[in-house]
Amino acid sequence: MFDEIHKTQGPWVVSDEQLQSELRASISAVVIPAYRSFVGRYKHHFEAGKNMDKYIKYQPEDIEALIETLFEGNHSTSMSRRRF
């Protein structure tokens, strides 16, 4: 699901740096704590298994890094860039 959202929103461009920063901070404030909670709650179910990557594709730090790339329009997708 995150891949799909990131693919869709990756080409979006927000040229105002302050707004760009505020959007990223707002998204991080909601997504990162919820994702850390999810990983913390369920990670122990998968650590012993070999298929952990099947269920937990990203670490919270990976999600944070991907959020920091949003709204720059640097992602190549078949969709045209959207400017806000």
PDB file of N, CA and C in Angstrom:
ATOM      1  N   MET A   1       0.816  -1.184   0.000  1.00  0.00           N
ATOM      2  CA  MET A   1       0.000   0.000   0.000  1.00  0.00           C
ATOM      3  C   MET A   1       0.869   1.260   0.000  1.00  0.00           C
ATOM      4  N   PHE A   2       1.901   1.290   0.835  1.00  0.00           N
ATOM      5  CA  PHE A   2       2.768   2.466   0.869  1.00  0.00           C
ATOM      6  C   PHE A   2       3.429   2.686  -0.485  1.00  0.00           C
ATOM      7  N   ASP A   3       3.832   1.594  -1.141  1.00  0.00           N
ATOM      8  CA  ASP A   3       4.450   1.718  -2.465  1.00  0.00           C
ATOM      9  C   ASP A   3       3.524   2.430  -3.441  1.00  0.00           C
ATOM     10  N   GLU A   4       2.261   2.054  -3.406  1.00  0.00           N
ATOM     11  CA  GLU A   4       1.284   2.648  -4.308  1.00  0.00           C
ATOM     12  C   GLU A   4       1.095   4.140  -4.020  1.00  0.00           C
ATOM     13  N   ILE A   5       0.987   4.483  -2.760  1.00  0.00           N
ATOM     14  CA  ILE A   5       0.834   5.889  -2.371  1.00  0.00           C
ATOM     15  C   ILE A   5       2.073   6.679  -2.768  1.00  0.00           C
ATOM     16  N   HIS A   6       3.241   6.128  -2.486  1.00  0.00           N
ATOM     17  CA  HIS A   6       4.491   6.817  -2.813  1.00  0.00           C
ATOM     18  C   HIS A   6       4.634   6.980  -4.321  1.00  0.00           C
ATOM     19  N   LYS A   7       4.253   5.981  -5.076  1.00  0.00           N
ATOM     20  CA  LYS A   7       4.324   6.058  -6.534  1.00  0.00           C
ATOM     21  C   LYS A   7       3.396   7.151  -7.065  1.00  0.00           C
ATOM     22  N   THR A   8       2.215   7.251  -6.486  1.00  0.00           N
ATOM     23  CA  THR A   8       1.245   8.255  -6.917  1.00  0.00           C
ATOM     24  C   THR A   8       1.680   9.659  -6.530  1.00  0.00           C
ATOM     25  N   GLN A   9       2.138   9.831  -5.300  1.00  0.00           N
ATOM     26  CA  GLN A   9       2.463  11.162  -4.803  1.00  0.00           C
ATOM     27  C   GLN A   9       3.902  11.570  -5.083  1.00  0.00           C
ATOM     28  N   GLY A  10       4.742  10.631  -5.467  1.00  0.00           N
ATOM     29  CA  GLY A  10       6.142  10.940  -5.749  1.00  0.00           C
ATOM     30  C   GLY A  10       6.359  12.012  -6.799  1.00  0.00           C
ATOM     31  N   PRO A  11       5.605  12.007  -7.891  1.00  0.00           N
ATOM     32  CA  PRO A  11       5.815  13.029  -8.923  1.00  0.00           C
ATOM     33  C   PRO A  11       5.240  14.404  -8.582  1.00  0.00           C
ATOM     34  N   TRP A  12       4.478  14.496  -7.513  1.00  0.00           N
ATOM     35  CA  TRP A  12       3.891  15.783  -7.147  1.00  0.00           C
ATOM     36  C   TRP A  12       4.985  16.756  -6.753  1.00  0.00           C
ATOM     37  N   VAL A  13       4.805  18.001  -7.125  1.00  0.00           N
ATOM     38  CA  VAL A  13       5.785  19.040  -6.825  1.00  0.00           C
ATOM     39  C   VAL A  13       5.132  20.128  -5.984  1.00  0.00           C
ATOM     40  N   VAL A  14       5.747  20.436  -4.872  1.00  0.00           N
ATOM     41  CA  VAL A  14       5.362  21.589  -4.059  1.00  0.00           C
ATOM     42  C   VAL A  14       6.576  22.499  -4.058  1.00  0.00           C
ATOM     43  N   SER A  15       6.483  23.601  -4.779  1.00  0.00           N
ATOM     44  CA  SER A  15       7.651  24.454  -4.966  1.00  0.00           C
ATOM     45  C   SER A  15       7.956  25.343  -3.760  1.00  0.00           C
ATOM     46  N   ASP A  16       6.990  25.595  -2.909  1.00  0.00           N
ATOM     47  CA  ASP A  16       7.207  26.387  -1.701  1.00  0.00           C
ATOM     48  C   ASP A  16       7.905  25.495  -0.672  1.00  0.00           C
ATOM     49  N   GLU A  17       9.147  25.811  -0.345  1.00  0.00           N
ATOM     50  CA  GLU A  17       9.941  24.954   0.546  1.00  0.00           C
ATOM     51  C   GLU A  17       9.352  24.838   1.946  1.00  0.00           C
ATOM     52  N   GLN A  18       8.782  25.921   2.450  1.00  0.00           N
ATOM     53  CA  GLN A  18       8.184  25.867   3.784  1.00  0.00           C
ATOM     54  C   GLN A  18       6.967  24.950   3.783  1.00  0.00           C
ATOM     55  N   LEU A  19       6.113  25.076   2.782  1.00  0.00           N
ATOM     56  CA  LEU A  19       4.944  24.208   2.678  1.00  0.00           C
ATOM     57  C   LEU A  19       5.369  22.757   2.494  1.00  0.00           C
ATOM     58  N   GLN A  20       6.383  22.539   1.679  1.00  0.00           N
ATOM     59  CA  GLN A  20       6.923  21.198   1.452  1.00  0.00           C
ATOM     60  C   GLN A  20       7.363  20.582   2.782  1.00  0.00           C
ATOM     61  N   SER A  21       8.082  21.350   3.554  1.00  0.00           N
ATOM     62  CA  SER A  21       8.576  20.885   4.850  1.00  0.00           C
ATOM     63  C   SER A  21       7.420  20.605   5.819  1.00  0.00           C
ATOM     64  N   GLU A  22       6.427  21.483   5.833  1.00  0.00           N
ATOM     65  CA  GLU A  22       5.279  21.301   6.716  1.00  0.00           C
ATOM     66  C   GLU A  22       4.454  20.070   6.327  1.00  0.00           C
ATOM     67  N   LEU A  23       4.299  19.842   5.038  1.00  0.00           N
ATOM     68  CA  LEU A  23       3.579  18.650   4.582  1.00  0.00           C
ATOM     69  C   LEU A  23       4.304  17.384   5.009  1.00  0.00           C
ATOM     70  N   ARG A  24       5.600  17.356   4.810  1.00  0.00           N
ATOM     71  CA  ARG A  24       6.384  16.187   5.211  1.00  0.00           C
ATOM     72  C   ARG A  24       6.296  15.956   6.713  1.00  0.00           C
ATOM     73  N   ALA A  25       6.403  17.033   7.486  1.00  0.00           N
ATOM     74  CA  ALA A  25       6.333  16.909   8.946  1.00  0.00           C
ATOM     75  C   ALA A  25       4.959  16.400   9.381  1.00  0.00           C
ATOM     76  N   SER A  26       3.914  16.903   8.750  1.00  0.00           N
ATOM     77  CA  SER A  26       2.551  16.459   9.082  1.00  0.00           C
ATOM     78  C   SER A  26       2.349  14.995   8.754  1.00  0.00           C
ATOM     79  N   ILE A  27       2.824  14.581   7.604  1.00  0.00           N
ATOM     80  CA  ILE A  27       2.697  13.179   7.201  1.00  0.00           C
ATOM     81  C   ILE A  27       3.499  12.292   8.152  1.00  0.00           C
ATOM     82  N   SER A  28       4.724  12.697   8.428  1.00  0.00           N
ATOM     83  CA  SER A  28       5.575  11.919   9.343  1.00  0.00           C
ATOM     84  C   SER A  28       4.961  11.807  10.731  1.00  0.00           C
ATOM     85  N   ALA A  29       4.352  12.889  11.214  1.00  0.00           N
ATOM     86  CA  ALA A  29       3.767  12.899  12.554  1.00  0.00           C
ATOM     87  C   ALA A  29       2.632  11.892  12.693  1.00  0.00           C
ATOM     88  N   VAL A  30       1.959  11.584  11.594  1.00  0.00           N
ATOM     89  CA  VAL A  30       0.858  10.624  11.629  1.00  0.00           C
ATOM     90  C   VAL A  30       1.353   9.214  11.299  1.00  0.00           C
ATOM     91  N   VAL A  31       2.126   9.100  10.232  1.00  0.00           N
ATOM     92  CA  VAL A  31       2.499   7.785   9.702  1.00  0.00           C
ATOM     93  C   VAL A  31       3.557   7.086  10.550  1.00  0.00           C
ATOM     94  N   ILE A  32       4.616   7.787  10.901  1.00  0.00           N
ATOM     95  CA  ILE A  32       5.755   7.139  11.568  1.00  0.00           C
ATOM     96  C   ILE A  32       5.381   6.543  12.929  1.00  0.00           C
ATOM     97  N   PRO A  33       4.709   7.276  13.829  1.00  0.00           N
ATOM     98  CA  PRO A  33       4.347   6.641  15.111  1.00  0.00           C
ATOM     99  C   PRO A  33       3.430   5.421  14.932  1.00  0.00           C
ATOM    100  N   ALA A  34       2.482   5.518  14.009  1.00  0.00           N
ATOM    101  CA  ALA A  34       1.580   4.385  13.771  1.00  0.00           C
ATOM    102  C   ALA A  34       2.347   3.191  13.211  1.00  0.00           C
ATOM    103  N   TYR A  35       3.270   3.451  12.298  1.00  0.00           N
ATOM    104  CA  TYR A  35       4.040   2.361  11.705  1.00  0.00           C
ATOM    105  C   TYR A  35       4.998   1.738  12.719  1.00  0.00           C
ATOM    106  N   ARG A  36       5.643   2.582  13.541  1.00  0.00           N
ATOM    107  CA  ARG A  36       6.519   2.048  14.594  1.00  0.00           C
ATOM    108  C   ARG A  36       5.722   1.160  15.559  1.00  0.00           C
ATOM    109  N   SER A  37       4.519   1.589  15.892  1.00  0.00           N
ATOM    110  CA  SER A  37       3.657   0.806  16.773  1.00  0.00           C
ATOM    111  C   SER A  37       3.316  -0.543  16.135  1.00  0.00           C
ATOM    112  N   PHE A  38       2.957  -0.508  14.862  1.00  0.00           N
ATOM    113  CA  PHE A  38       2.640  -1.734  14.136  1.00  0.00           C
ATOM    114  C   PHE A  38       3.831  -2.688  14.119  1.00  0.00           C
ATOM    115  N   VAL A  39       4.995  -2.169  13.742  1.00  0.00           N
ATOM    116  CA  VAL A  39       6.194  -3.011  13.671  1.00  0.00           C
ATOM    117  C   VAL A  39       6.530  -3.559  15.051  1.00  0.00           C
ATOM    118  N   GLY A  40       6.467  -2.703  16.056  1.00  0.00           N
ATOM    119  CA  GLY A  40       6.763  -3.147  17.417  1.00  0.00           C
ATOM    120  C   GLY A  40       5.806  -4.212  17.915  1.00  0.00           C
ATOM    121  N   ARG A  41       4.551  -4.092  17.546  1.00  0.00           N
ATOM    122  CA  ARG A  41       3.529  -5.031  17.995  1.00  0.00           C
ATOM    123  C   ARG A  41       3.642  -6.385  17.321  1.00  0.00           C
ATOM    124  N   TYR A  42       4.012  -6.397  16.034  1.00  0.00           N
ATOM    125  CA  TYR A  42       3.961  -7.646  15.273  1.00  0.00           C
ATOM    126  C   TYR A  42       5.314  -8.213  14.854  1.00  0.00           C
ATOM    127  N   LYS A  43       6.372  -7.462  15.035  1.00  0.00           N
ATOM    128  CA  LYS A  43       7.685  -7.913  14.583  1.00  0.00           C
ATOM    129  C   LYS A  43       8.093  -9.245  15.212  1.00  0.00           C
ATOM    130  N   HIS A  44       7.795  -9.429  16.470  1.00  0.00           N
ATOM    131  CA  HIS A  44       8.205 -10.671  17.145  1.00  0.00           C
ATOM    132  C   HIS A  44       7.554 -11.906  16.528  1.00  0.00           C
ATOM    133  N   HIS A  45       6.438 -11.743  15.853  1.00  0.00           N
ATOM    134  CA  HIS A  45       5.793 -12.873  15.177  1.00  0.00           C
ATOM    135  C   HIS A  45       6.593 -13.336  13.967  1.00  0.00           C
ATOM    136  N   PHE A  46       7.376 -12.439  13.400  1.00  0.00           N
ATOM    137  CA  PHE A  46       8.062 -12.746  12.154  1.00  0.00           C
ATOM    138  C   PHE A  46       9.563 -12.937  12.308  1.00  0.00           C
ATOM    139  N   GLU A  47      10.151 -12.507  13.414  1.00  0.00           N
ATOM    140  CA  GLU A  47      11.600 -12.588  13.579  1.00  0.00           C
ATOM    141  C   GLU A  47      12.118 -14.015  13.453  1.00  0.00           C
ATOM    142  N   ALA A  48      11.394 -14.959  13.986  1.00  0.00           N
ATOM    143  CA  ALA A  48      11.850 -16.343  13.923  1.00  0.00           C
ATOM    144  C   ALA A  48      11.620 -16.945  12.540  1.00  0.00           C
ATOM    145  N   GLY A  49      10.693 -16.373  11.799  1.00  0.00           N
ATOM    146  CA  GLY A  49      10.369 -16.906  10.479  1.00  0.00           C
ATOM    147  C   GLY A  49      11.270 -16.339   9.395  1.00  0.00           C
ATOM    148  N   LYS A  50      11.318 -17.037   8.294  1.00  0.00           N
ATOM    149  CA  LYS A  50      12.163 -16.614   7.181  1.00  0.00           C
ATOM    150  C   LYS A  50      11.459 -15.622   6.267  1.00  0.00           C
ATOM    151  N   ASN A  51      10.171 -15.431   6.439  1.00  0.00           N
ATOM    152  CA  ASN A  51       9.393 -14.582   5.545  1.00  0.00           C
ATOM    153  C   ASN A  51       9.090 -13.212   6.125  1.00  0.00           C
ATOM    154  N   MET A  52       9.923 -12.704   7.008  1.00  0.00           N
ATOM    155  CA  MET A  52       9.654 -11.406   7.623  1.00  0.00           C
ATOM    156  C   MET A  52       9.501 -10.314   6.568  1.00  0.00           C
ATOM    157  N   ASP A  53      10.325 -10.326   5.528  1.00  0.00           N
ATOM    158  CA  ASP A  53      10.253  -9.299   4.480  1.00  0.00           C
ATOM    159  C   ASP A  53       8.935  -9.346   3.723  1.00  0.00           C
ATOM    160  N   LYS A  54       8.280 -10.480   3.754  1.00  0.00           N
ATOM    161  CA  LYS A  54       6.980 -10.603   3.087  1.00  0.00           C
ATOM    162  C   LYS A  54       5.927  -9.767   3.807  1.00  0.00           C
ATOM    163  N   TYR A  55       6.055  -9.634   5.113  1.00  0.00           N
ATOM    164  CA  TYR A  55       5.057  -8.947   5.917  1.00  0.00           C
ATOM    165  C   TYR A  55       5.494  -7.551   6.348  1.00  0.00           C
ATOM    166  N   ILE A  56       6.762  -7.367   6.593  1.00  0.00           N
ATOM    167  CA  ILE A  56       7.283  -6.059   6.984  1.00  0.00           C
ATOM    168  C   ILE A  56       8.342  -5.681   5.961  1.00  0.00           C
ATOM    169  N   LYS A  57       7.910  -4.963   4.945  1.00  0.00           N
ATOM    170  CA  LYS A  57       8.779  -4.638   3.822  1.00  0.00           C
ATOM    171  C   LYS A  57       9.759  -3.524   4.157  1.00  0.00           C
ATOM    172  N   TYR A  58       9.323  -2.565   4.957  1.00  0.00           N
ATOM    173  CA  TYR A  58      10.143  -1.400   5.293  1.00  0.00           C
ATOM    174  C   TYR A  58      10.338  -1.282   6.787  1.00  0.00           C
ATOM    175  N   GLN A  59      11.484  -0.804   7.180  1.00  0.00           N
ATOM    176  CA  GLN A  59      11.731  -0.413   8.554  1.00  0.00           C
ATOM    177  C   GLN A  59      11.214   1.020   8.709  1.00  0.00           C
ATOM    178  N   PRO A  60      10.896   1.454   9.917  1.00  0.00           N
ATOM    179  CA  PRO A  60      10.400   2.824  10.092  1.00  0.00           C
ATOM    180  C   PRO A  60      11.340   3.890   9.514  1.00  0.00           C
ATOM    181  N   GLU A  61      12.633   3.646   9.607  1.00  0.00           N
ATOM    182  CA  GLU A  61      13.602   4.610   9.067  1.00  0.00           C
ATOM    183  C   GLU A  61      13.496   4.701   7.544  1.00  0.00           C
ATOM    184  N   ASP A  62      13.160   3.596   6.901  1.00  0.00           N
ATOM    185  CA  ASP A  62      12.975   3.599   5.447  1.00  0.00           C
ATOM    186  C   ASP A  62      11.773   4.457   5.072  1.00  0.00           C
ATOM    187  N   ILE A  63      10.699   4.338   5.831  1.00  0.00           N
ATOM    188  CA  ILE A  63       9.494   5.124   5.576  1.00  0.00           C
ATOM    189  C   ILE A  63       9.802   6.611   5.768  1.00  0.00           C
ATOM    190  N   GLU A  64      10.538   6.932   6.838  1.00  0.00           N
ATOM    191  CA  GLU A  64      10.923   8.331   7.074  1.00  0.00           C
ATOM    192  C   GLU A  64      11.720   8.885   5.901  1.00  0.00           C
ATOM    193  N   ALA A  65      12.670   8.112   5.415  1.00  0.00           N
ATOM    194  CA  ALA A  65      13.496   8.561   4.290  1.00  0.00           C
ATOM    195  C   ALA A  65      12.660   8.758   3.032  1.00  0.00           C
ATOM    196  N   LEU A  66      11.718   7.882   2.791  1.00  0.00           N
ATOM    197  CA  LEU A  66      10.857   8.012   1.617  1.00  0.00           C
ATOM    198  C   LEU A  66       9.939   9.222   1.730  1.00  0.00           C
ATOM    199  N   ILE A  67       9.436   9.493   2.914  1.00  0.00           N
ATOM    200  CA  ILE A  67       8.599  10.680   3.112  1.00  0.00           C
ATOM    201  C   ILE A  67       9.400  11.948   2.825  1.00  0.00           C
ATOM    202  N   GLU A  68      10.669  11.937   3.198  1.00  0.00           N
ATOM    203  CA  GLU A  68      11.523  13.107   2.962  1.00  0.00           C
ATOM    204  C   GLU A  68      11.771  13.377   1.477  1.00  0.00           C
ATOM    205  N   THR A  69      11.444  12.435   0.618  1.00  0.00           N
ATOM    206  CA  THR A  69      11.626  12.661  -0.818  1.00  0.00           C
ATOM    207  C   THR A  69      10.341  13.112  -1.506  1.00  0.00           C
ATOM    208  N   LEU A  70       9.229  13.136  -0.762  1.00  0.00           N
ATOM    209  CA  LEU A  70       7.965  13.531  -1.367  1.00  0.00           C
ATOM    210  C   LEU A  70       7.952  15.016  -1.737  1.00  0.00           C
ATOM    211  N   PHE A  71       7.181  15.331  -2.736  1.00  0.00           N
ATOM    212  CA  PHE A  71       6.890  16.697  -3.181  1.00  0.00           C
ATOM    213  C   PHE A  71       8.060  17.388  -3.868  1.00  0.00           C
ATOM    214  N   GLU A  72       9.042  16.612  -4.325  1.00  0.00           N
ATOM    215  CA  GLU A  72      10.146  17.153  -5.111  1.00  0.00           C
ATOM    216  C   GLU A  72       9.982  16.841  -6.590  1.00  0.00           C
ATOM    217  N   GLY A  73       9.093  15.912  -6.903  1.00  0.00           N
ATOM    218  CA  GLY A  73       8.847  15.548  -8.296  1.00  0.00           C
ATOM    219  C   GLY A  73       9.960  14.748  -8.923  1.00  0.00           C
ATOM    220  N   ASN A  74      10.758  14.074  -8.113  1.00  0.00           N
ATOM    221  CA  ASN A  74      11.933  13.361  -8.627  1.00  0.00           C
ATOM    222  C   ASN A  74      11.673  11.905  -8.976  1.00  0.00           C
ATOM    223  N   HIS A  75      10.471  11.429  -8.810  1.00  0.00           N
ATOM    224  CA  HIS A  75      10.188  10.021  -9.034  1.00  0.00           C
ATOM    225  C   HIS A  75       9.713   9.808 -10.453  1.00  0.00           C
ATOM    226  N   SER A  76      10.236   8.806 -11.104  1.00  0.00           N
ATOM    227  CA  SER A  76       9.808   8.527 -12.466  1.00  0.00           C
ATOM    228  C   SER A  76       8.642   7.558 -12.439  1.00  0.00           C
ATOM    229  N   THR A  77       7.534   8.011 -12.956  1.00  0.00           N
ATOM    230  CA  THR A  77       6.356   7.177 -13.104  1.00  0.00           C
ATOM    231  C   THR A  77       5.720   7.537 -14.427  1.00  0.00           C
ATOM    232  N   SER A  78       4.737   6.770 -14.819  1.00  0.00           N
ATOM    233  CA  SER A  78       4.056   7.060 -16.069  1.00  0.00           C
ATOM    234  C   SER A  78       3.117   8.250 -15.927  1.00  0.00           C
ATOM    235  N   MET A  79       2.894   8.692 -14.708  1.00  0.00           N
ATOM    236  CA  MET A  79       1.996   9.820 -14.489  1.00  0.00           C
ATOM    237  C   MET A  79       2.749  11.129 -14.702  1.00  0.00           C
ATOM    238  N   SER A  80       2.034  12.128 -15.157  1.00  0.00           N
ATOM    239  CA  SER A  80       2.668  13.436 -15.326  1.00  0.00           C
ATOM    240  C   SER A  80       2.838  14.089 -13.977  1.00  0.00           C
ATOM    241  N   ARG A  81       3.759  15.023 -13.878  1.00  0.00           N
ATOM    242  CA  ARG A  81       3.973  15.740 -12.626  1.00  0.00           C
ATOM    243  C   ARG A  81       2.776  16.626 -12.308  1.00  0.00           C
ATOM    244  N   ARG A  82       2.470  16.692 -11.049  1.00  0.00           N
ATOM    245  CA  ARG A  82       1.379  17.549 -10.593  1.00  0.00           C
ATOM    246  C   ARG A  82       1.984  18.671  -9.788  1.00  0.00           C
ATOM    247  N   ARG A  83       1.653  19.897 -10.097  1.00  0.00           N
ATOM    248  CA  ARG A  83       2.174  21.057  -9.382  1.00  0.00           C
ATOM    249  C   ARG A  83       1.110  21.634  -8.466  1.00  0.00           C
ATOM    250  N   PHE A  84       1.502  21.947  -7.222  1.00  0.00           N
ATOM    251  CA  PHE A  84       0.597  22.565  -6.266  1.00  0.00           C
ATOM    252  C   PHE A  84       1.209  23.836  -5.767  1.00  0.00           C
TER     253      PHE A  84
END
